[in-house]
């Protein structure tokens, strides 16, 4: 169902989803007004009402208000993601959020972790990271690629072609790329490893 038609066909849509198990609660805050602590307070109230929190989706982490104001934005973002990770542990549920790529990732066939904008330290906090890349041609054909950039409990470095239609938020993973089509990814993964090592050294020493 196209997004532009949701309001027109809301009764029809409700008939389709009324038997889906579970509950969805949407809580909206003005940009930069909610911190991870505000989200925690909301989850606490839900738990007091015997609401079992199975998953939290934050749209999106980069525009939350940090619990501690720091001089540099990258340090504030690191604090935000550490607080979200702590929430996931406390409520024993996954927390998903999105982040944007930096300018270097706009034209990449596959977006690796070095292209995540602002605070690379977010990558150290996350347990699982996947990226979606779409060229101008992909947008015309509703195609793209998913890259598993980090997976703490499983394989990473995997690339999957996808069909993606933003008009109705439809995303379908097709299959893993064959060996011949993923040669460029091997080089990309090696480059990413080198960049990770360099950025980790700077992270440990506190250098910019």
C-alpha atoms as a PDB file:
ATOM      1  CA  UNK A   1       0.000   0.000   0.000  1.00  0.00           C
ATOM      2  CA  UNK A   2       1.636   3.315  -1.044  1.00  0.00           C
ATOM      3  CA  UNK A   3       2.322   5.661   1.859  1.00  0.00           C
ATOM      4  CA  UNK A   4       0.301   8.432   0.219  1.00  0.00           C
ATOM      5  CA  UNK A   5      -2.801   6.200   0.335  1.00  0.00           C
ATOM      6  CA  UNK A   6      -2.563   5.044   3.962  1.00  0.00           C
ATOM      7  CA  UNK A   7      -5.097   7.560   5.247  1.00  0.00           C
ATOM      8  CA  UNK A   8      -7.582   6.783   2.471  1.00  0.00           C
ATOM      9  CA  UNK A   9      -7.478   3.029   3.056  1.00  0.00           C
ATOM     10  CA  UNK A  10      -6.924   2.985   6.823  1.00  0.00           C
ATOM     11  CA  UNK A  11     -10.026   0.841   7.481  1.00  0.00           C
ATOM     12  CA  UNK A  12      -8.888  -1.720   4.907  1.00  0.00           C
ATOM     13  CA  UNK A  13      -5.384  -1.749   6.397  1.00  0.00           C
ATOM     14  CA  UNK A  14      -6.725  -2.205   9.913  1.00  0.00           C
ATOM     15  CA  UNK A  15      -8.724  -5.257   8.754  1.00  0.00           C
ATOM     16  CA  UNK A  16      -5.504  -6.747   7.404  1.00  0.00           C
ATOM     17  CA  UNK A  17      -3.474  -6.292  10.598  1.00  0.00           C
ATOM     18  CA  UNK A  18      -6.071  -6.673  13.355  1.00  0.00           C
ATOM     19  CA  UNK A  19      -5.072 -10.303  13.986  1.00  0.00           C
ATOM     20  CA  UNK A  20      -1.338  -9.610  14.182  1.00  0.00           C
ATOM     21  CA  UNK A  21      -0.093 -10.536  17.649  1.00  0.00           C
ATOM     22  CA  UNK A  22       1.599  -7.999  19.892  1.00  0.00           C
ATOM     23  CA  UNK A  23       1.250  -4.283  20.469  1.00  0.00           C
ATOM     24  CA  UNK A  24       2.956  -1.259  18.953  1.00  0.00           C
ATOM     25  CA  UNK A  25       3.304   1.930  20.976  1.00  0.00           C
ATOM     26  CA  UNK A  26       4.553   5.066  19.216  1.00  0.00           C
ATOM     27  CA  UNK A  27       5.933   7.839  21.401  1.00  0.00           C
ATOM     28  CA  UNK A  28       6.909  11.111  19.763  1.00  0.00           C
ATOM     29  CA  UNK A  29       9.169  13.837  21.134  1.00  0.00           C
ATOM     30  CA  UNK A  30      10.396  17.112  19.597  1.00  0.00           C
ATOM     31  CA  UNK A  31      13.886  16.868  18.090  1.00  0.00           C
ATOM     32  CA  UNK A  32      16.677  16.973  20.707  1.00  0.00           C
ATOM     33  CA  UNK A  33      14.179  17.071  23.589  1.00  0.00           C
ATOM     34  CA  UNK A  34      14.349  13.373  24.488  1.00  0.00           C
ATOM     35  CA  UNK A  35      17.415  11.741  25.980  1.00  0.00           C
ATOM     36  CA  UNK A  36      18.005   8.023  26.622  1.00  0.00           C
ATOM     37  CA  UNK A  37      16.907   8.743  30.200  1.00  0.00           C
ATOM     38  CA  UNK A  38      13.546  10.050  28.930  1.00  0.00           C
ATOM     39  CA  UNK A  39      13.118   6.838  26.920  1.00  0.00           C
ATOM     40  CA  UNK A  40      14.046   4.819  29.995  1.00  0.00           C
ATOM     41  CA  UNK A  41      11.381   6.604  32.066  1.00  0.00           C
ATOM     42  CA  UNK A  42       8.785   5.797  29.406  1.00  0.00           C
ATOM     43  CA  UNK A  43       9.808   2.123  29.337  1.00  0.00           C
ATOM     44  CA  UNK A  44       9.631   1.996  33.131  1.00  0.00           C
ATOM     45  CA  UNK A  45       6.027   3.245  33.021  1.00  0.00           C
ATOM     46  CA  UNK A  46       5.182   0.599  30.445  1.00  0.00           C
ATOM     47  CA  UNK A  47       6.729  -2.093  32.617  1.00  0.00           C
ATOM     48  CA  UNK A  48       4.667  -0.911  35.592  1.00  0.00           C
ATOM     49  CA  UNK A  49       1.584  -1.478  33.427  1.00  0.00           C
ATOM     50  CA  UNK A  50       2.792  -5.060  32.805  1.00  0.00           C
ATOM     51  CA  UNK A  51       3.679  -4.226  29.225  1.00  0.00           C
ATOM     52  CA  UNK A  52       6.371  -6.623  28.006  1.00  0.00           C
ATOM     53  CA  UNK A  53       8.900  -4.605  25.988  1.00  0.00           C
ATOM     54  CA  UNK A  54      10.105  -6.871  23.189  1.00  0.00           C
ATOM     55  CA  UNK A  55      11.972  -4.336  21.072  1.00  0.00           C
ATOM     56  CA  UNK A  56      12.666  -0.592  20.946  1.00  0.00           C
ATOM     57  CA  UNK A  57      13.151   1.341  17.700  1.00  0.00           C
ATOM     58  CA  UNK A  58      14.657   4.828  18.041  1.00  0.00           C
ATOM     59  CA  UNK A  59      14.160   7.192  15.082  1.00  0.00           C
ATOM     60  CA  UNK A  60      16.877   8.084  15.384  1.00  0.00           C
ATOM     61  CA  UNK A  61      19.771   7.939  17.849  1.00  0.00           C
ATOM     62  CA  UNK A  62      21.817  10.806  16.410  1.00  0.00           C
ATOM     63  CA  UNK A  63      19.148  13.404  17.238  1.00  0.00           C
ATOM     64  CA  UNK A  64      18.582  12.355  20.843  1.00  0.00           C
ATOM     65  CA  UNK A  65      19.656  14.762  23.560  1.00  0.00           C
ATOM     66  CA  UNK A  66      22.835  13.550  25.281  1.00  0.00           C
ATOM     67  CA  UNK A  67      22.718  12.999  29.028  1.00  0.00           C
ATOM     68  CA  UNK A  68      26.065  14.810  29.313  1.00  0.00           C
ATOM     69  CA  UNK A  69      26.876  17.935  27.297  1.00  0.00           C
ATOM     70  CA  UNK A  70      30.375  17.717  25.850  1.00  0.00           C
ATOM     71  CA  UNK A  71      32.525  20.035  23.780  1.00  0.00           C
ATOM     72  CA  UNK A  72      32.541  17.823  20.698  1.00  0.00           C
ATOM     73  CA  UNK A  73      29.531  16.275  19.009  1.00  0.00           C
ATOM     74  CA  UNK A  74      31.301  12.957  18.454  1.00  0.00           C
ATOM     75  CA  UNK A  75      31.710  12.529  22.210  1.00  0.00           C
ATOM     76  CA  UNK A  76      28.033  13.345  22.778  1.00  0.00           C
ATOM     77  CA  UNK A  77      27.013  10.759  20.175  1.00  0.00           C
ATOM     78  CA  UNK A  78      29.244   8.174  21.818  1.00  0.00           C
ATOM     79  CA  UNK A  79      27.504   8.840  25.136  1.00  0.00           C
ATOM     80  CA  UNK A  80      24.053   8.514  23.524  1.00  0.00           C
ATOM     81  CA  UNK A  81      24.835   5.127  22.018  1.00  0.00           C
ATOM     82  CA  UNK A  82      26.411   3.852  25.227  1.00  0.00           C
ATOM     83  CA  UNK A  83      23.236   4.847  27.100  1.00  0.00           C
ATOM     84  CA  UNK A  84      21.062   3.071  24.507  1.00  0.00           C
ATOM     85  CA  UNK A  85      23.164  -0.060  24.891  1.00  0.00           C
ATOM     86  CA  UNK A  86      22.694   0.119  28.652  1.00  0.00           C
ATOM     87  CA  UNK A  87      18.916   0.368  28.132  1.00  0.00           C
ATOM     88  CA  UNK A  88      18.965  -2.737  25.956  1.00  0.00           C
ATOM     89  CA  UNK A  89      20.752  -4.620  28.725  1.00  0.00           C
ATOM     90  CA  UNK A  90      18.453  -3.348  31.486  1.00  0.00           C
ATOM     91  CA  UNK A  91      15.227  -4.191  29.641  1.00  0.00           C
ATOM     92  CA  UNK A  92      16.641  -7.336  28.028  1.00  0.00           C
ATOM     93  CA  UNK A  93      15.527  -6.381  24.533  1.00  0.00           C
ATOM     94  CA  UNK A  94      17.148  -5.275  21.274  1.00  0.00           C
ATOM     95  CA  UNK A  95      17.292  -1.568  20.492  1.00  0.00           C
ATOM     96  CA  UNK A  96      17.516  -0.603  16.824  1.00  0.00           C
ATOM     97  CA  UNK A  97      18.319   2.819  15.453  1.00  0.00           C
ATOM     98  CA  UNK A  98      19.606   4.418  12.257  1.00  0.00           C
ATOM     99  CA  UNK A  99      22.547   6.633  11.426  1.00  0.00           C
ATOM    100  CA  UNK A 100      23.569   8.501   8.301  1.00  0.00           C
ATOM    101  CA  UNK A 101      26.593   8.080   6.081  1.00  0.00           C
ATOM    102  CA  UNK A 102      29.177  10.796   5.681  1.00  0.00           C
ATOM    103  CA  UNK A 103      29.979  12.426   2.347  1.00  0.00           C
ATOM    104  CA  UNK A 104      32.509   9.743   1.399  1.00  0.00           C
ATOM    105  CA  UNK A 105      29.801   7.085   1.528  1.00  0.00           C
ATOM    106  CA  UNK A 106      27.372   8.753  -0.863  1.00  0.00           C
ATOM    107  CA  UNK A 107      28.839   7.227  -4.023  1.00  0.00           C
ATOM    108  CA  UNK A 108      30.085   3.916  -2.613  1.00  0.00           C
ATOM    109  CA  UNK A 109      28.768   0.673  -4.065  1.00  0.00           C
ATOM    110  CA  UNK A 110      28.930  -0.773  -0.564  1.00  0.00           C
ATOM    111  CA  UNK A 111      28.938   1.415   2.552  1.00  0.00           C
ATOM    112  CA  UNK A 112      31.439   0.227   5.159  1.00  0.00           C
ATOM    113  CA  UNK A 113      31.791   1.406   8.749  1.00  0.00           C
ATOM    114  CA  UNK A 114      34.350   4.076   7.906  1.00  0.00           C
ATOM    115  CA  UNK A 115      31.541   5.995   6.127  1.00  0.00           C
ATOM    116  CA  UNK A 116      29.319   6.294   9.217  1.00  0.00           C
ATOM    117  CA  UNK A 117      28.998   9.987   9.956  1.00  0.00           C
ATOM    118  CA  UNK A 118      30.192  12.065  12.911  1.00  0.00           C
ATOM    119  CA  UNK A 119      31.205   9.626  15.649  1.00  0.00           C
ATOM    120  CA  UNK A 120      32.973   6.460  14.554  1.00  0.00           C
ATOM    121  CA  UNK A 121      32.932   5.391  18.201  1.00  0.00           C
ATOM    122  CA  UNK A 122      29.278   4.397  17.669  1.00  0.00           C
ATOM    123  CA  UNK A 123      30.634   1.375  15.829  1.00  0.00           C
ATOM    124  CA  UNK A 124      32.453   0.139  18.931  1.00  0.00           C
ATOM    125  CA  UNK A 125      29.237   0.257  20.964  1.00  0.00           C
ATOM    126  CA  UNK A 126      26.921  -1.524  18.511  1.00  0.00           C
ATOM    127  CA  UNK A 127      26.596  -5.302  18.456  1.00  0.00           C
ATOM    128  CA  UNK A 128      25.268  -5.471  14.905  1.00  0.00           C
ATOM    129  CA  UNK A 129      25.593  -2.998  12.028  1.00  0.00           C
ATOM    130  CA  UNK A 130      24.259  -3.290   8.520  1.00  0.00           C
ATOM    131  CA  UNK A 131      24.265  -0.655   5.800  1.00  0.00           C
ATOM    132  CA  UNK A 132      22.011   0.010   2.816  1.00  0.00           C
ATOM    133  CA  UNK A 133      23.588   1.534  -0.288  1.00  0.00           C
ATOM    134  CA  UNK A 134      21.761   2.719  -3.402  1.00  0.00           C
ATOM    135  CA  UNK A 135      23.216   4.404  -6.457  1.00  0.00           C
ATOM    136  CA  UNK A 136      21.265   6.721  -8.732  1.00  0.00           C
ATOM    137  CA  UNK A 137      20.651   3.757 -11.036  1.00  0.00           C
ATOM    138  CA  UNK A 138      19.462   1.648  -8.081  1.00  0.00           C
ATOM    139  CA  UNK A 139      16.876   4.252  -7.141  1.00  0.00           C
ATOM    140  CA  UNK A 140      15.470   4.095 -10.658  1.00  0.00           C
ATOM    141  CA  UNK A 141      15.155   0.316 -10.583  1.00  0.00           C
ATOM    142  CA  UNK A 142      14.228  -0.101  -6.890  1.00  0.00           C
ATOM    143  CA  UNK A 143      17.392  -2.074  -6.181  1.00  0.00           C
ATOM    144  CA  UNK A 144      20.314  -1.773  -3.769  1.00  0.00           C
ATOM    145  CA  UNK A 145      22.670  -3.661  -1.463  1.00  0.00           C
ATOM    146  CA  UNK A 146      22.761  -4.599   2.203  1.00  0.00           C
ATOM    147  CA  UNK A 147      26.186  -5.040   3.769  1.00  0.00           C
ATOM    148  CA  UNK A 148      26.653  -6.728   7.147  1.00  0.00           C
ATOM    149  CA  UNK A 149      29.407  -4.473   8.473  1.00  0.00           C
ATOM    150  CA  UNK A 150      29.587  -5.845  12.017  1.00  0.00           C
ATOM    151  CA  UNK A 151      28.141  -8.874  13.743  1.00  0.00           C
ATOM    152  CA  UNK A 152      29.389  -9.597  17.241  1.00  0.00           C
ATOM    153  CA  UNK A 153      27.753 -13.032  17.360  1.00  0.00           C
ATOM    154  CA  UNK A 154      27.982 -14.215  13.772  1.00  0.00           C
ATOM    155  CA  UNK A 155      29.483 -13.732  10.307  1.00  0.00           C
ATOM    156  CA  UNK A 156      30.020 -10.280   8.834  1.00  0.00           C
ATOM    157  CA  UNK A 157      31.354  -8.900   5.565  1.00  0.00           C
ATOM    158  CA  UNK A 158      28.326 -10.320   3.734  1.00  0.00           C
ATOM    159  CA  UNK A 159      26.631  -8.462   0.874  1.00  0.00           C
ATOM    160  CA  UNK A 160      23.053  -9.087  -0.209  1.00  0.00           C
ATOM    161  CA  UNK A 161      21.254  -7.526  -3.188  1.00  0.00           C
ATOM    162  CA  UNK A 162      17.811  -6.168  -2.379  1.00  0.00           C
ATOM    163  CA  UNK A 163      14.627  -4.888  -3.946  1.00  0.00           C
ATOM    164  CA  UNK A 164      13.608  -1.673  -2.186  1.00  0.00           C
ATOM    165  CA  UNK A 165      10.505   0.384  -2.911  1.00  0.00           C
ATOM    166  CA  UNK A 166      10.389   3.499  -0.738  1.00  0.00           C
ATOM    167  CA  UNK A 167       6.868   4.385  -1.901  1.00  0.00           C
ATOM    168  CA  UNK A 168       5.433   1.597   0.252  1.00  0.00           C
ATOM    169  CA  UNK A 169       8.432   0.846   2.509  1.00  0.00           C
ATOM    170  CA  UNK A 170       8.957  -2.564   0.931  1.00  0.00           C
ATOM    171  CA  UNK A 171      12.375  -4.214   1.267  1.00  0.00           C
ATOM    172  CA  UNK A 172      13.157  -7.733   0.077  1.00  0.00           C
ATOM    173  CA  UNK A 173      16.526  -9.457   0.459  1.00  0.00           C
ATOM    174  CA  UNK A 174      17.225 -11.532  -2.646  1.00  0.00           C
ATOM    175  CA  UNK A 175      20.368 -13.638  -2.197  1.00  0.00           C
ATOM    176  CA  UNK A 176      24.017 -13.372  -1.278  1.00  0.00           C
ATOM    177  CA  UNK A 177      26.339 -12.162  -4.039  1.00  0.00           C
ATOM    178  CA  UNK A 178      28.361 -14.872  -5.728  1.00  0.00           C
ATOM    179  CA  UNK A 179      32.142 -15.000  -5.363  1.00  0.00           C
ATOM    180  CA  UNK A 180      32.940 -13.266  -8.657  1.00  0.00           C
ATOM    181  CA  UNK A 181      30.597 -10.371  -7.893  1.00  0.00           C
ATOM    182  CA  UNK A 182      32.016  -9.781  -4.433  1.00  0.00           C
ATOM    183  CA  UNK A 183      35.714  -9.293  -5.298  1.00  0.00           C
ATOM    184  CA  UNK A 184      35.347  -5.551  -4.819  1.00  0.00           C
ATOM    185  CA  UNK A 185      33.878  -6.240  -1.366  1.00  0.00           C
ATOM    186  CA  UNK A 186      36.967  -8.188  -0.281  1.00  0.00           C
ATOM    187  CA  UNK A 187      39.136  -5.175  -1.025  1.00  0.00           C
ATOM    188  CA  UNK A 188      36.611  -2.918   0.692  1.00  0.00           C
ATOM    189  CA  UNK A 189      36.639  -5.123   3.807  1.00  0.00           C
ATOM    190  CA  UNK A 190      40.455  -5.050   3.916  1.00  0.00           C
ATOM    191  CA  UNK A 191      40.447  -1.271   3.597  1.00  0.00           C
ATOM    192  CA  UNK A 192      37.839  -1.089   6.344  1.00  0.00           C
ATOM    193  CA  UNK A 193      39.958  -3.241   8.662  1.00  0.00           C
ATOM    194  CA  UNK A 194      42.922  -0.938   8.156  1.00  0.00           C
ATOM    195  CA  UNK A 195      40.789   2.128   8.835  1.00  0.00           C
ATOM    196  CA  UNK A 196      39.330   0.470  11.935  1.00  0.00           C
ATOM    197  CA  UNK A 197      42.806  -0.164  13.300  1.00  0.00           C
ATOM    198  CA  UNK A 198      43.868   3.427  12.672  1.00  0.00           C
ATOM    199  CA  UNK A 199      40.716   4.902  14.198  1.00  0.00           C
ATOM    200  CA  UNK A 200      40.924   2.597  17.194  1.00  0.00           C
ATOM    201  CA  UNK A 201      44.453   3.835  17.917  1.00  0.00           C
ATOM    202  CA  UNK A 202      43.172   7.416  17.810  1.00  0.00           C
ATOM    203  CA  UNK A 203      40.226   6.418  20.008  1.00  0.00           C
ATOM    204  CA  UNK A 204      42.536   4.917  22.648  1.00  0.00           C
ATOM    205  CA  UNK A 205      44.985   7.813  22.623  1.00  0.00           C
ATOM    206  CA  UNK A 206      42.265  10.481  22.491  1.00  0.00           C
ATOM    207  CA  UNK A 207      43.656  11.996  19.299  1.00  0.00           C
ATOM    208  CA  UNK A 208      41.387  13.497  16.634  1.00  0.00           C
END
